[in-house]
N, C-alpha and C. Protein backbone atom coordinates (compact mmCIF):
# COMPACT_ATOMS: atom_id res chain seq x y z
N UNK A 1 0.83 -1.21 0.00
CA UNK A 1 0.00 0.00 0.00
C UNK A 1 0.86 1.26 0.00
N UNK A 2 1.97 1.22 0.75
CA UNK A 2 2.84 2.39 0.81
C UNK A 2 3.41 2.71 -0.55
N UNK A 3 3.87 1.66 -1.25
CA UNK A 3 4.43 1.88 -2.58
C UNK A 3 3.38 2.42 -3.53
N UNK A 4 2.16 1.93 -3.46
CA UNK A 4 1.09 2.40 -4.32
C UNK A 4 0.74 3.85 -4.01
N UNK A 5 0.71 4.19 -2.71
CA UNK A 5 0.41 5.56 -2.31
C UNK A 5 1.48 6.53 -2.80
N UNK A 6 2.74 6.13 -2.72
CA UNK A 6 3.83 6.98 -3.19
C UNK A 6 3.78 7.16 -4.70
N UNK A 7 3.46 6.08 -5.41
CA UNK A 7 3.36 6.17 -6.86
C UNK A 7 2.20 7.09 -7.27
N UNK A 8 1.08 6.96 -6.56
CA UNK A 8 -0.06 7.84 -6.85
C UNK A 8 0.28 9.29 -6.55
N UNK A 9 0.96 9.53 -5.43
CA UNK A 9 1.33 10.89 -5.05
C UNK A 9 2.21 11.54 -6.12
N UNK A 10 3.13 10.78 -6.69
CA UNK A 10 4.02 11.31 -7.72
C UNK A 10 3.24 11.65 -8.99
N UNK A 11 2.34 10.75 -9.39
CA UNK A 11 1.54 10.98 -10.59
C UNK A 11 0.59 12.16 -10.41
N UNK A 12 -0.04 12.21 -9.23
CA UNK A 12 -0.99 13.30 -8.96
C UNK A 12 -0.29 14.65 -8.92
N UNK A 13 0.94 14.70 -8.38
CA UNK A 13 1.67 15.96 -8.30
C UNK A 13 1.96 16.52 -9.69
N UNK A 14 2.35 15.63 -10.60
CA UNK A 14 2.63 16.08 -11.97
C UNK A 14 1.38 16.70 -12.59
N UNK A 15 0.24 16.07 -12.35
CA UNK A 15 -1.01 16.59 -12.91
C UNK A 15 -1.43 17.88 -12.20
N UNK A 16 -1.24 17.94 -10.88
CA UNK A 16 -1.71 19.08 -10.10
C UNK A 16 -0.99 20.38 -10.45
N UNK A 17 0.31 20.28 -10.74
CA UNK A 17 1.08 21.50 -11.01
C UNK A 17 0.96 21.95 -12.46
N UNK A 18 0.32 21.14 -13.30
CA UNK A 18 0.12 21.55 -14.69
C UNK A 18 -0.88 22.70 -14.73
N UNK A 19 -0.68 23.69 -15.62
CA UNK A 19 -1.60 24.83 -15.70
C UNK A 19 -3.02 24.37 -16.02
N UNK A 20 -3.97 24.93 -15.30
CA UNK A 20 -5.36 24.57 -15.52
C UNK A 20 -6.29 25.60 -14.91
N UNK A 21 -7.57 25.35 -15.00
CA UNK A 21 -8.58 26.29 -14.52
C UNK A 21 -8.44 26.58 -13.03
N UNK A 22 -8.29 25.54 -12.21
CA UNK A 22 -8.24 25.72 -10.77
C UNK A 22 -7.03 26.57 -10.35
N UNK A 23 -5.86 26.25 -10.91
CA UNK A 23 -4.67 27.02 -10.58
C UNK A 23 -4.82 28.46 -11.06
N UNK A 24 -5.41 28.64 -12.23
CA UNK A 24 -5.64 30.00 -12.75
C UNK A 24 -6.54 30.79 -11.82
N UNK A 25 -7.59 30.15 -11.30
CA UNK A 25 -8.51 30.85 -10.40
C UNK A 25 -7.79 31.31 -9.13
N UNK A 26 -6.98 30.45 -8.54
CA UNK A 26 -6.22 30.83 -7.34
C UNK A 26 -5.24 31.94 -7.66
N UNK A 27 -4.57 31.84 -8.80
CA UNK A 27 -3.60 32.85 -9.21
C UNK A 27 -4.26 34.20 -9.43
N UNK A 28 -5.33 34.20 -10.17
CA UNK A 28 -6.03 35.46 -10.48
C UNK A 28 -6.62 36.10 -9.23
N UNK A 29 -7.25 35.28 -8.37
CA UNK A 29 -7.87 35.81 -7.16
C UNK A 29 -6.82 36.37 -6.21
N UNK A 30 -5.68 35.70 -6.09
CA UNK A 30 -4.62 36.16 -5.19
C UNK A 30 -4.03 37.48 -5.66
N UNK A 31 -3.84 37.63 -6.97
CA UNK A 31 -3.29 38.87 -7.50
C UNK A 31 -4.27 40.02 -7.32
N UNK A 32 -5.54 39.76 -7.64
CA UNK A 32 -6.53 40.83 -7.65
C UNK A 32 -7.04 41.20 -6.26
N UNK A 33 -7.16 40.20 -5.36
CA UNK A 33 -7.81 40.45 -4.08
C UNK A 33 -6.97 40.12 -2.85
N UNK A 34 -5.78 39.63 -3.06
CA UNK A 34 -4.92 39.32 -1.93
C UNK A 34 -4.90 37.84 -1.58
N UNK A 35 -3.97 37.47 -0.71
CA UNK A 35 -3.76 36.06 -0.42
C UNK A 35 -4.93 35.42 0.31
N UNK A 36 -5.60 36.16 1.20
CA UNK A 36 -6.71 35.56 1.92
C UNK A 36 -7.81 35.12 0.98
N UNK A 37 -8.12 35.95 0.00
CA UNK A 37 -9.14 35.57 -0.98
C UNK A 37 -8.63 34.44 -1.86
N UNK A 38 -7.34 34.48 -2.20
CA UNK A 38 -6.77 33.40 -3.00
C UNK A 38 -6.87 32.07 -2.29
N UNK A 39 -6.59 32.06 -0.99
CA UNK A 39 -6.68 30.82 -0.23
C UNK A 39 -8.14 30.42 -0.02
N UNK A 40 -9.05 31.39 0.02
CA UNK A 40 -10.47 31.05 0.11
C UNK A 40 -10.91 30.34 -1.16
N UNK A 41 -10.44 30.83 -2.32
CA UNK A 41 -10.74 30.14 -3.58
C UNK A 41 -10.15 28.74 -3.58
N UNK A 42 -8.91 28.62 -3.07
CA UNK A 42 -8.27 27.30 -2.98
C UNK A 42 -9.05 26.37 -2.08
N UNK A 43 -9.55 26.88 -0.95
CA UNK A 43 -10.35 26.06 -0.04
C UNK A 43 -11.61 25.57 -0.73
N UNK A 44 -12.22 26.42 -1.55
CA UNK A 44 -13.40 26.00 -2.30
C UNK A 44 -13.07 24.88 -3.27
N UNK A 45 -11.93 25.01 -3.95
CA UNK A 45 -11.50 23.96 -4.89
C UNK A 45 -11.25 22.66 -4.16
N UNK A 46 -10.56 22.76 -3.02
CA UNK A 46 -10.27 21.54 -2.23
C UNK A 46 -11.55 20.89 -1.72
N UNK A 47 -12.54 21.70 -1.37
CA UNK A 47 -13.83 21.15 -0.95
C UNK A 47 -14.46 20.37 -2.09
N UNK A 48 -14.38 20.93 -3.30
CA UNK A 48 -14.89 20.22 -4.45
C UNK A 48 -14.15 18.92 -4.70
N UNK A 49 -12.84 18.94 -4.52
CA UNK A 49 -12.04 17.72 -4.70
C UNK A 49 -12.44 16.63 -3.71
N UNK A 50 -12.67 17.03 -2.46
CA UNK A 50 -13.10 16.07 -1.44
C UNK A 50 -14.43 15.44 -1.83
N UNK A 51 -15.35 16.26 -2.30
CA UNK A 51 -16.67 15.75 -2.70
C UNK A 51 -16.55 14.82 -3.90
N UNK A 52 -15.71 15.19 -4.87
CA UNK A 52 -15.50 14.31 -6.03
C UNK A 52 -14.87 12.99 -5.58
N UNK A 53 -13.92 13.06 -4.65
CA UNK A 53 -13.28 11.85 -4.16
C UNK A 53 -14.26 10.93 -3.46
N UNK A 54 -15.12 11.50 -2.63
CA UNK A 54 -16.12 10.70 -1.93
C UNK A 54 -17.13 10.10 -2.92
N UNK A 55 -17.48 10.89 -3.94
CA UNK A 55 -18.39 10.37 -4.96
C UNK A 55 -17.76 9.21 -5.72
N UNK A 56 -16.45 9.32 -5.97
CA UNK A 56 -15.74 8.24 -6.64
C UNK A 56 -15.71 6.99 -5.76
N UNK A 57 -15.45 7.18 -4.46
CA UNK A 57 -15.43 6.05 -3.53
C UNK A 57 -16.78 5.34 -3.48
N UNK A 58 -17.84 6.11 -3.65
CA UNK A 58 -19.18 5.53 -3.62
C UNK A 58 -19.62 5.03 -4.99
N UNK A 59 -18.78 5.23 -6.02
CA UNK A 59 -19.10 4.75 -7.36
C UNK A 59 -20.00 5.68 -8.16
N UNK A 60 -20.24 6.88 -7.66
CA UNK A 60 -21.17 7.79 -8.35
C UNK A 60 -20.58 8.42 -9.59
N UNK A 61 -19.25 8.66 -9.59
CA UNK A 61 -18.66 9.34 -10.74
C UNK A 61 -18.68 8.46 -11.99
N UNK A 62 -18.90 7.16 -11.81
CA UNK A 62 -19.00 6.28 -12.98
C UNK A 62 -20.15 6.70 -13.88
N UNK A 63 -21.14 7.38 -13.30
CA UNK A 63 -22.28 7.85 -14.09
C UNK A 63 -21.86 8.86 -15.13
N UNK A 64 -20.78 9.61 -14.86
CA UNK A 64 -20.35 10.65 -15.78
C UNK A 64 -19.89 10.08 -17.12
N UNK A 65 -19.24 8.94 -17.07
CA UNK A 65 -18.80 8.31 -18.31
C UNK A 65 -19.80 7.31 -18.85
N UNK A 66 -20.60 6.72 -17.96
CA UNK A 66 -21.61 5.76 -18.41
C UNK A 66 -22.80 6.46 -19.05
N UNK A 67 -23.07 7.68 -18.63
CA UNK A 67 -24.23 8.42 -19.14
C UNK A 67 -23.76 9.71 -19.82
N UNK A 68 -23.95 9.78 -21.12
CA UNK A 68 -23.60 11.01 -21.84
C UNK A 68 -24.46 12.18 -21.37
N UNK A 69 -25.70 11.88 -21.02
CA UNK A 69 -26.60 12.95 -20.57
C UNK A 69 -26.08 13.57 -19.28
N UNK A 70 -25.70 12.73 -18.30
CA UNK A 70 -25.20 13.25 -17.03
C UNK A 70 -23.93 14.07 -17.24
N UNK A 71 -23.04 13.56 -18.08
CA UNK A 71 -21.78 14.27 -18.35
C UNK A 71 -22.07 15.62 -19.01
N UNK A 72 -22.97 15.62 -20.00
CA UNK A 72 -23.27 16.85 -20.73
C UNK A 72 -23.95 17.88 -19.84
N UNK A 73 -24.81 17.42 -18.92
CA UNK A 73 -25.49 18.36 -18.01
C UNK A 73 -24.46 19.09 -17.15
N UNK A 74 -23.54 18.33 -16.55
CA UNK A 74 -22.51 18.95 -15.72
C UNK A 74 -21.61 19.85 -16.57
N UNK A 75 -21.25 19.37 -17.76
CA UNK A 75 -20.36 20.11 -18.65
C UNK A 75 -20.97 21.44 -19.08
N UNK A 76 -22.23 21.43 -19.47
CA UNK A 76 -22.88 22.65 -19.94
C UNK A 76 -23.09 23.62 -18.77
N UNK A 77 -23.48 23.10 -17.61
CA UNK A 77 -23.63 23.97 -16.43
C UNK A 77 -22.29 24.60 -16.06
N UNK A 78 -21.23 23.82 -16.13
CA UNK A 78 -19.91 24.34 -15.83
C UNK A 78 -19.49 25.42 -16.80
N UNK A 79 -19.74 25.20 -18.09
CA UNK A 79 -19.40 26.20 -19.10
C UNK A 79 -20.20 27.48 -18.89
N UNK A 80 -21.48 27.34 -18.57
CA UNK A 80 -22.31 28.52 -18.32
C UNK A 80 -21.79 29.31 -17.12
N UNK A 81 -21.35 28.58 -16.08
CA UNK A 81 -20.82 29.25 -14.89
C UNK A 81 -19.53 30.00 -15.22
N UNK A 82 -18.68 29.40 -16.03
CA UNK A 82 -17.42 30.05 -16.42
C UNK A 82 -17.70 31.28 -17.28
N UNK A 83 -18.69 31.20 -18.15
CA UNK A 83 -19.06 32.37 -18.95
C UNK A 83 -19.54 33.50 -18.04
N UNK A 84 -20.30 33.12 -17.02
CA UNK A 84 -20.78 34.14 -16.07
C UNK A 84 -19.60 34.78 -15.33
N UNK A 85 -18.62 33.97 -14.90
CA UNK A 85 -17.43 34.53 -14.25
C UNK A 85 -16.67 35.44 -15.19
N UNK A 86 -16.53 35.02 -16.45
CA UNK A 86 -15.82 35.83 -17.42
C UNK A 86 -16.54 37.13 -17.70
N UNK A 87 -17.87 37.07 -17.88
CA UNK A 87 -18.64 38.28 -18.14
C UNK A 87 -18.58 39.23 -16.95
N UNK A 88 -18.62 38.67 -15.73
CA UNK A 88 -18.53 39.51 -14.54
C UNK A 88 -17.18 40.23 -14.47
N UNK A 89 -16.10 39.51 -14.79
CA UNK A 89 -14.78 40.13 -14.78
C UNK A 89 -14.69 41.23 -15.82
N UNK A 90 -15.22 40.99 -17.01
CA UNK A 90 -15.19 42.01 -18.06
C UNK A 90 -16.04 43.22 -17.68
N UNK A 91 -17.15 42.96 -16.99
CA UNK A 91 -18.00 44.08 -16.55
C UNK A 91 -17.28 44.93 -15.52
N UNK A 92 -16.60 44.29 -14.58
CA UNK A 92 -15.83 45.03 -13.58
C UNK A 92 -14.71 45.83 -14.23
N UNK A 93 -14.16 45.31 -15.30
CA UNK A 93 -13.06 46.01 -15.99
C UNK A 93 -13.55 47.30 -16.65
N UNK A 94 -14.85 47.39 -16.93
CA UNK A 94 -15.40 48.59 -17.57
C UNK A 94 -15.59 49.73 -16.59
N UNK A 95 -15.59 49.46 -15.29
CA UNK A 95 -15.85 50.50 -14.30
C UNK A 95 -14.73 51.52 -14.29
N UNK A 96 -15.10 52.77 -14.29
CA UNK A 96 -14.13 53.86 -14.27
C UNK A 96 -13.74 54.19 -12.84
N UNK A 97 -12.48 54.42 -12.63
CA UNK A 97 -11.98 54.81 -11.32
C UNK A 97 -11.81 56.32 -11.26
N UNK A 98 -12.14 56.92 -10.13
CA UNK A 98 -12.00 58.36 -10.02
C UNK A 98 -10.56 58.82 -10.14
N UNK A 99 -9.64 58.01 -9.76
CA UNK A 99 -8.23 58.40 -9.82
C UNK A 99 -7.38 57.16 -9.98
N UNK A 100 -6.35 57.26 -10.84
CA UNK A 100 -5.45 56.15 -11.05
C UNK A 100 -4.57 55.88 -9.84
N UNK A 101 -4.53 56.81 -8.89
CA UNK A 101 -3.67 56.67 -7.72
C UNK A 101 -4.42 56.18 -6.49
N UNK A 102 -5.73 55.98 -6.64
CA UNK A 102 -6.51 55.52 -5.50
C UNK A 102 -6.20 54.06 -5.24
N UNK A 103 -5.88 53.73 -3.99
CA UNK A 103 -5.58 52.34 -3.64
C UNK A 103 -6.89 51.58 -3.47
N UNK A 104 -6.92 50.29 -3.79
CA UNK A 104 -8.14 49.51 -3.65
C UNK A 104 -8.56 49.37 -2.20
N UNK A 105 -9.85 49.13 -2.03
CA UNK A 105 -10.38 48.96 -0.67
C UNK A 105 -9.87 47.65 -0.08
N UNK A 106 -9.75 47.59 1.25
CA UNK A 106 -9.29 46.34 1.87
C UNK A 106 -10.24 45.20 1.56
N UNK A 107 -9.71 43.99 1.50
CA UNK A 107 -10.53 42.81 1.26
C UNK A 107 -11.45 42.56 2.45
N UNK A 108 -12.72 42.29 2.18
CA UNK A 108 -13.69 42.06 3.25
C UNK A 108 -14.12 40.61 3.22
N UNK A 109 -14.89 40.23 4.24
CA UNK A 109 -15.30 38.83 4.36
C UNK A 109 -16.11 38.38 3.15
N UNK A 110 -16.94 39.31 2.57
CA UNK A 110 -17.75 38.93 1.43
C UNK A 110 -16.89 38.53 0.25
N UNK A 111 -15.72 39.19 0.11
CA UNK A 111 -14.82 38.84 -0.98
C UNK A 111 -14.28 37.43 -0.82
N UNK A 112 -13.97 37.05 0.42
CA UNK A 112 -13.47 35.70 0.66
C UNK A 112 -14.57 34.67 0.43
N UNK A 113 -15.80 35.00 0.82
CA UNK A 113 -16.92 34.08 0.62
C UNK A 113 -17.18 33.89 -0.88
N UNK A 114 -17.13 35.00 -1.63
CA UNK A 114 -17.33 34.90 -3.07
C UNK A 114 -16.23 34.07 -3.72
N UNK A 115 -15.00 34.24 -3.24
CA UNK A 115 -13.89 33.47 -3.78
C UNK A 115 -14.06 31.98 -3.47
N UNK A 116 -14.52 31.67 -2.26
CA UNK A 116 -14.78 30.27 -1.89
C UNK A 116 -15.85 29.67 -2.79
N UNK A 117 -16.93 30.41 -3.01
CA UNK A 117 -18.01 29.91 -3.87
C UNK A 117 -17.50 29.68 -5.29
N UNK A 118 -16.66 30.59 -5.78
CA UNK A 118 -16.12 30.42 -7.13
C UNK A 118 -15.27 29.16 -7.21
N UNK A 119 -14.48 28.89 -6.16
CA UNK A 119 -13.66 27.69 -6.14
C UNK A 119 -14.50 26.42 -6.16
N UNK A 120 -15.54 26.40 -5.32
CA UNK A 120 -16.42 25.23 -5.28
C UNK A 120 -17.12 25.04 -6.62
N UNK A 121 -17.64 26.14 -7.17
CA UNK A 121 -18.41 26.07 -8.41
C UNK A 121 -17.58 25.60 -9.59
N UNK A 122 -16.40 26.19 -9.77
CA UNK A 122 -15.57 25.81 -10.91
C UNK A 122 -15.11 24.36 -10.83
N UNK A 123 -14.93 23.84 -9.62
CA UNK A 123 -14.48 22.46 -9.48
C UNK A 123 -15.63 21.47 -9.63
N UNK A 124 -16.72 21.69 -8.91
CA UNK A 124 -17.83 20.73 -8.95
C UNK A 124 -18.55 20.72 -10.30
N UNK A 125 -18.51 21.85 -11.02
CA UNK A 125 -19.18 21.90 -12.32
C UNK A 125 -18.24 21.56 -13.46
N UNK A 126 -17.10 20.97 -13.13
CA UNK A 126 -16.16 20.52 -14.14
C UNK A 126 -16.13 18.99 -14.13
N UNK A 127 -16.78 18.33 -15.07
CA UNK A 127 -16.84 16.85 -15.03
C UNK A 127 -15.46 16.21 -15.15
N UNK A 128 -14.49 16.95 -15.70
CA UNK A 128 -13.14 16.40 -15.82
C UNK A 128 -12.55 16.09 -14.45
N UNK A 129 -12.96 16.85 -13.43
CA UNK A 129 -12.46 16.60 -12.08
C UNK A 129 -12.93 15.24 -11.58
N UNK A 130 -14.18 14.91 -11.84
CA UNK A 130 -14.69 13.60 -11.44
C UNK A 130 -14.04 12.48 -12.22
N UNK A 131 -13.87 12.69 -13.53
CA UNK A 131 -13.24 11.68 -14.37
C UNK A 131 -11.78 11.46 -13.95
N UNK A 132 -11.13 12.55 -13.48
CA UNK A 132 -9.74 12.44 -13.02
C UNK A 132 -9.62 11.40 -11.90
N UNK A 133 -10.47 11.51 -10.90
CA UNK A 133 -10.41 10.57 -9.77
C UNK A 133 -10.80 9.16 -10.21
N UNK A 134 -11.83 9.07 -11.05
CA UNK A 134 -12.32 7.77 -11.44
C UNK A 134 -11.33 7.02 -12.34
N UNK A 135 -10.57 7.77 -13.15
CA UNK A 135 -9.65 7.12 -14.09
C UNK A 135 -8.26 6.91 -13.51
N UNK A 136 -7.81 7.81 -12.61
CA UNK A 136 -6.44 7.71 -12.11
C UNK A 136 -6.31 6.77 -10.92
N UNK A 137 -7.22 6.89 -9.97
CA UNK A 137 -7.09 6.11 -8.74
C UNK A 137 -7.05 4.60 -8.98
N UNK A 138 -7.93 4.04 -9.82
CA UNK A 138 -7.89 2.58 -10.02
C UNK A 138 -6.56 2.07 -10.55
N UNK A 139 -5.81 2.92 -11.26
CA UNK A 139 -4.54 2.48 -11.83
C UNK A 139 -3.50 2.19 -10.75
N UNK A 140 -3.67 2.79 -9.57
CA UNK A 140 -2.68 2.63 -8.49
C UNK A 140 -3.22 1.82 -7.32
N UNK A 141 -4.43 1.35 -7.43
CA UNK A 141 -5.03 0.61 -6.32
C UNK A 141 -4.45 -0.81 -6.25
N UNK A 142 -3.87 -1.18 -5.13
CA UNK A 142 -3.30 -2.54 -5.01
C UNK A 142 -4.38 -3.61 -5.11
N UNK A 143 -4.00 -4.74 -5.63
CA UNK A 143 -4.94 -5.85 -5.77
C UNK A 143 -5.44 -6.30 -4.38
N UNK A 144 -6.75 -6.38 -4.25
CA UNK A 144 -7.36 -6.83 -3.01
C UNK A 144 -7.56 -5.73 -1.98
N UNK A 145 -7.12 -4.52 -2.27
CA UNK A 145 -7.28 -3.41 -1.31
C UNK A 145 -8.74 -2.97 -1.27
N UNK A 146 -9.23 -2.51 -0.12
CA UNK A 146 -10.61 -2.02 -0.05
C UNK A 146 -10.80 -0.78 -0.92
N UNK A 147 -11.77 -0.84 -1.79
CA UNK A 147 -11.96 0.24 -2.77
C UNK A 147 -12.29 1.57 -2.08
N UNK A 148 -13.25 1.54 -1.16
CA UNK A 148 -13.68 2.80 -0.53
C UNK A 148 -12.53 3.42 0.26
N UNK A 149 -11.90 2.64 1.13
CA UNK A 149 -10.84 3.19 1.97
C UNK A 149 -9.64 3.66 1.17
N UNK A 150 -9.27 2.90 0.14
CA UNK A 150 -8.12 3.29 -0.68
C UNK A 150 -8.42 4.56 -1.47
N UNK A 151 -9.63 4.66 -1.97
CA UNK A 151 -10.02 5.87 -2.72
C UNK A 151 -9.99 7.09 -1.82
N UNK A 152 -10.48 6.95 -0.60
CA UNK A 152 -10.45 8.07 0.35
C UNK A 152 -9.00 8.45 0.68
N UNK A 153 -8.15 7.44 0.87
CA UNK A 153 -6.74 7.70 1.16
C UNK A 153 -6.07 8.46 0.02
N UNK A 154 -6.27 8.01 -1.21
CA UNK A 154 -5.66 8.66 -2.36
C UNK A 154 -6.23 10.07 -2.56
N UNK A 155 -7.51 10.23 -2.28
CA UNK A 155 -8.11 11.56 -2.36
C UNK A 155 -7.46 12.51 -1.35
N UNK A 156 -7.24 12.00 -0.14
CA UNK A 156 -6.59 12.82 0.89
C UNK A 156 -5.18 13.22 0.47
N UNK A 157 -4.45 12.30 -0.14
CA UNK A 157 -3.10 12.61 -0.63
C UNK A 157 -3.15 13.71 -1.67
N UNK A 158 -4.11 13.59 -2.60
CA UNK A 158 -4.24 14.59 -3.65
C UNK A 158 -4.61 15.95 -3.08
N UNK A 159 -5.51 15.98 -2.12
CA UNK A 159 -5.96 17.24 -1.52
C UNK A 159 -4.81 17.92 -0.76
N UNK A 160 -4.01 17.15 -0.04
CA UNK A 160 -2.86 17.72 0.67
C UNK A 160 -1.86 18.31 -0.31
N UNK A 161 -1.58 17.59 -1.39
CA UNK A 161 -0.67 18.11 -2.40
C UNK A 161 -1.19 19.40 -3.02
N UNK A 162 -2.47 19.42 -3.32
CA UNK A 162 -3.07 20.62 -3.89
C UNK A 162 -3.02 21.78 -2.92
N UNK A 163 -3.26 21.51 -1.63
CA UNK A 163 -3.22 22.57 -0.62
C UNK A 163 -1.84 23.21 -0.56
N UNK A 164 -0.80 22.39 -0.60
CA UNK A 164 0.57 22.92 -0.59
C UNK A 164 0.84 23.72 -1.85
N UNK A 165 0.42 23.19 -3.00
CA UNK A 165 0.65 23.88 -4.27
C UNK A 165 -0.07 25.23 -4.31
N UNK A 166 -1.33 25.26 -3.87
CA UNK A 166 -2.09 26.51 -3.88
C UNK A 166 -1.53 27.51 -2.88
N UNK A 167 -0.99 27.02 -1.77
CA UNK A 167 -0.36 27.91 -0.79
C UNK A 167 0.84 28.61 -1.44
N UNK A 168 1.62 27.87 -2.19
CA UNK A 168 2.78 28.45 -2.88
C UNK A 168 2.32 29.44 -3.95
N UNK A 169 1.34 29.03 -4.75
CA UNK A 169 0.86 29.88 -5.84
C UNK A 169 0.25 31.17 -5.30
N UNK A 170 -0.59 31.05 -4.26
CA UNK A 170 -1.25 32.24 -3.72
C UNK A 170 -0.25 33.20 -3.09
N UNK A 171 0.77 32.67 -2.43
CA UNK A 171 1.78 33.53 -1.83
C UNK A 171 2.55 34.30 -2.87
N UNK A 172 2.99 33.62 -3.93
CA UNK A 172 3.74 34.29 -5.00
C UNK A 172 2.86 35.29 -5.74
N UNK A 173 1.61 34.91 -6.01
CA UNK A 173 0.71 35.79 -6.73
C UNK A 173 0.33 37.02 -5.91
N UNK A 174 0.11 36.83 -4.62
CA UNK A 174 -0.23 37.96 -3.75
C UNK A 174 0.94 38.94 -3.67
N UNK A 175 2.17 38.43 -3.61
CA UNK A 175 3.34 39.30 -3.59
C UNK A 175 3.43 40.10 -4.88
N UNK A 176 3.12 39.44 -5.99
CA UNK A 176 3.11 40.14 -7.27
C UNK A 176 2.00 41.17 -7.30
N UNK A 177 0.84 40.81 -6.72
CA UNK A 177 -0.29 41.72 -6.71
C UNK A 177 0.00 43.02 -5.96
N UNK A 178 0.88 42.97 -4.96
CA UNK A 178 1.24 44.18 -4.22
C UNK A 178 1.89 45.21 -5.13
N UNK A 179 2.49 44.76 -6.21
CA UNK A 179 3.15 45.66 -7.15
C UNK A 179 2.24 46.08 -8.30
N UNK A 180 1.01 45.55 -8.27
CA UNK A 180 0.08 45.83 -9.37
C UNK A 180 -1.19 46.49 -8.85
N UNK A 181 -1.01 47.45 -7.96
CA UNK A 181 -2.17 48.04 -7.31
C UNK A 181 -2.80 49.19 -8.09
N UNK A 182 -2.18 49.65 -9.16
CA UNK A 182 -2.78 50.74 -9.92
C UNK A 182 -4.09 50.25 -10.55
N UNK A 183 -5.16 51.07 -10.45
CA UNK A 183 -6.45 50.64 -11.00
C UNK A 183 -6.39 50.27 -12.48
N UNK A 184 -5.55 50.95 -13.25
CA UNK A 184 -5.45 50.63 -14.68
C UNK A 184 -4.93 49.21 -14.87
N UNK A 185 -3.97 48.81 -14.05
CA UNK A 185 -3.43 47.45 -14.14
C UNK A 185 -4.47 46.44 -13.68
N UNK A 186 -5.21 46.79 -12.63
CA UNK A 186 -6.25 45.89 -12.13
C UNK A 186 -7.34 45.69 -13.19
N UNK A 187 -7.69 46.76 -13.92
CA UNK A 187 -8.70 46.61 -14.97
C UNK A 187 -8.20 45.70 -16.09
N UNK A 188 -6.92 45.86 -16.42
CA UNK A 188 -6.35 45.01 -17.46
C UNK A 188 -6.37 43.54 -17.02
N UNK A 189 -6.09 43.30 -15.74
CA UNK A 189 -6.13 41.94 -15.21
C UNK A 189 -7.53 41.37 -15.31
N UNK A 190 -8.54 42.18 -15.00
CA UNK A 190 -9.92 41.70 -15.10
C UNK A 190 -10.27 41.37 -16.54
N UNK A 191 -9.78 42.18 -17.48
CA UNK A 191 -10.04 41.91 -18.90
C UNK A 191 -9.43 40.57 -19.32
N UNK A 192 -8.17 40.37 -18.94
CA UNK A 192 -7.50 39.11 -19.28
C UNK A 192 -8.21 37.93 -18.62
N UNK A 193 -8.61 38.11 -17.35
CA UNK A 193 -9.29 37.03 -16.64
C UNK A 193 -10.62 36.70 -17.29
N UNK A 194 -11.36 37.73 -17.70
CA UNK A 194 -12.65 37.51 -18.34
C UNK A 194 -12.51 36.70 -19.61
N UNK A 195 -11.54 37.07 -20.44
CA UNK A 195 -11.31 36.33 -21.69
C UNK A 195 -10.87 34.90 -21.39
N UNK A 196 -10.02 34.74 -20.37
CA UNK A 196 -9.53 33.40 -20.02
C UNK A 196 -10.67 32.50 -19.53
N UNK A 197 -11.55 33.02 -18.68
CA UNK A 197 -12.68 32.22 -18.19
C UNK A 197 -13.57 31.78 -19.36
N UNK A 198 -13.83 32.70 -20.28
CA UNK A 198 -14.65 32.35 -21.43
C UNK A 198 -13.94 31.31 -22.30
N UNK A 199 -12.62 31.42 -22.39
CA UNK A 199 -11.85 30.42 -23.13
C UNK A 199 -11.94 29.05 -22.48
N UNK A 200 -11.85 29.01 -21.14
CA UNK A 200 -12.03 27.73 -20.43
C UNK A 200 -13.43 27.16 -20.68
N UNK A 201 -14.44 28.06 -20.74
CA UNK A 201 -15.79 27.61 -21.00
C UNK A 201 -15.91 26.99 -22.39
N UNK A 202 -15.26 27.62 -23.38
CA UNK A 202 -15.29 27.07 -24.74
C UNK A 202 -14.62 25.70 -24.78
N UNK A 203 -13.51 25.56 -24.05
CA UNK A 203 -12.83 24.27 -24.01
C UNK A 203 -13.68 23.20 -23.36
N UNK A 204 -14.44 23.58 -22.33
CA UNK A 204 -15.30 22.62 -21.66
C UNK A 204 -16.47 22.20 -22.55
N UNK A 205 -17.01 23.14 -23.32
CA UNK A 205 -18.09 22.83 -24.23
C UNK A 205 -17.61 21.90 -25.35
N UNK A 206 -16.36 22.06 -25.76
CA UNK A 206 -15.83 21.23 -26.84
C UNK A 206 -15.43 19.84 -26.37
N UNK A 207 -15.38 19.65 -25.04
CA UNK A 207 -14.95 18.36 -24.49
C UNK A 207 -16.03 17.33 -24.65
N UNK A 208 -15.59 16.10 -24.88
CA UNK A 208 -16.52 14.97 -24.99
C UNK A 208 -16.04 13.84 -24.08
N UNK A 209 -16.95 13.11 -23.44
CA UNK A 209 -16.55 12.02 -22.56
C UNK A 209 -15.90 10.88 -23.35
């Protein structure tokens, strides 16, 4: 079991650090709103990962590949949510600031809550996240090992790795964000983020199980 867990941890780490929607969300949120909001988004993503892992342990994620309808429903809802995030970012980018030298307002609890919701939404409405657990975990499961317990163990390993990775990403991004406090730069970031979210939505719509 130890050898299988180590092999899974190595494979999951390679996948986790690859650029993707979840990492982009943590990066963008940390730059624009600070590290606390970035970590709130990361916590939302990790919550989604835990739920996907538990669903995989219970055999529910098999429905995503067994049923094209179920996969398409999650996929289309996820794409719609990403379009909404992108449109919201582009709308915020249109807002005029009274002065280019005005510093942004401090991050409030509502900002962290919104970031957490965004993390949960982007993860749970992405069927690829469920397919990831369902397709990767069985490859490393030792023969005769309990399916539920081993799946939960591997999910926990993945979540811990992601937590460390997002902690590093949010810290670096927040430090960069301190140098990008001019409203004009923040508007440009929102524009880029809006286009990126819509691009992720297009990629999700083009995906097939």
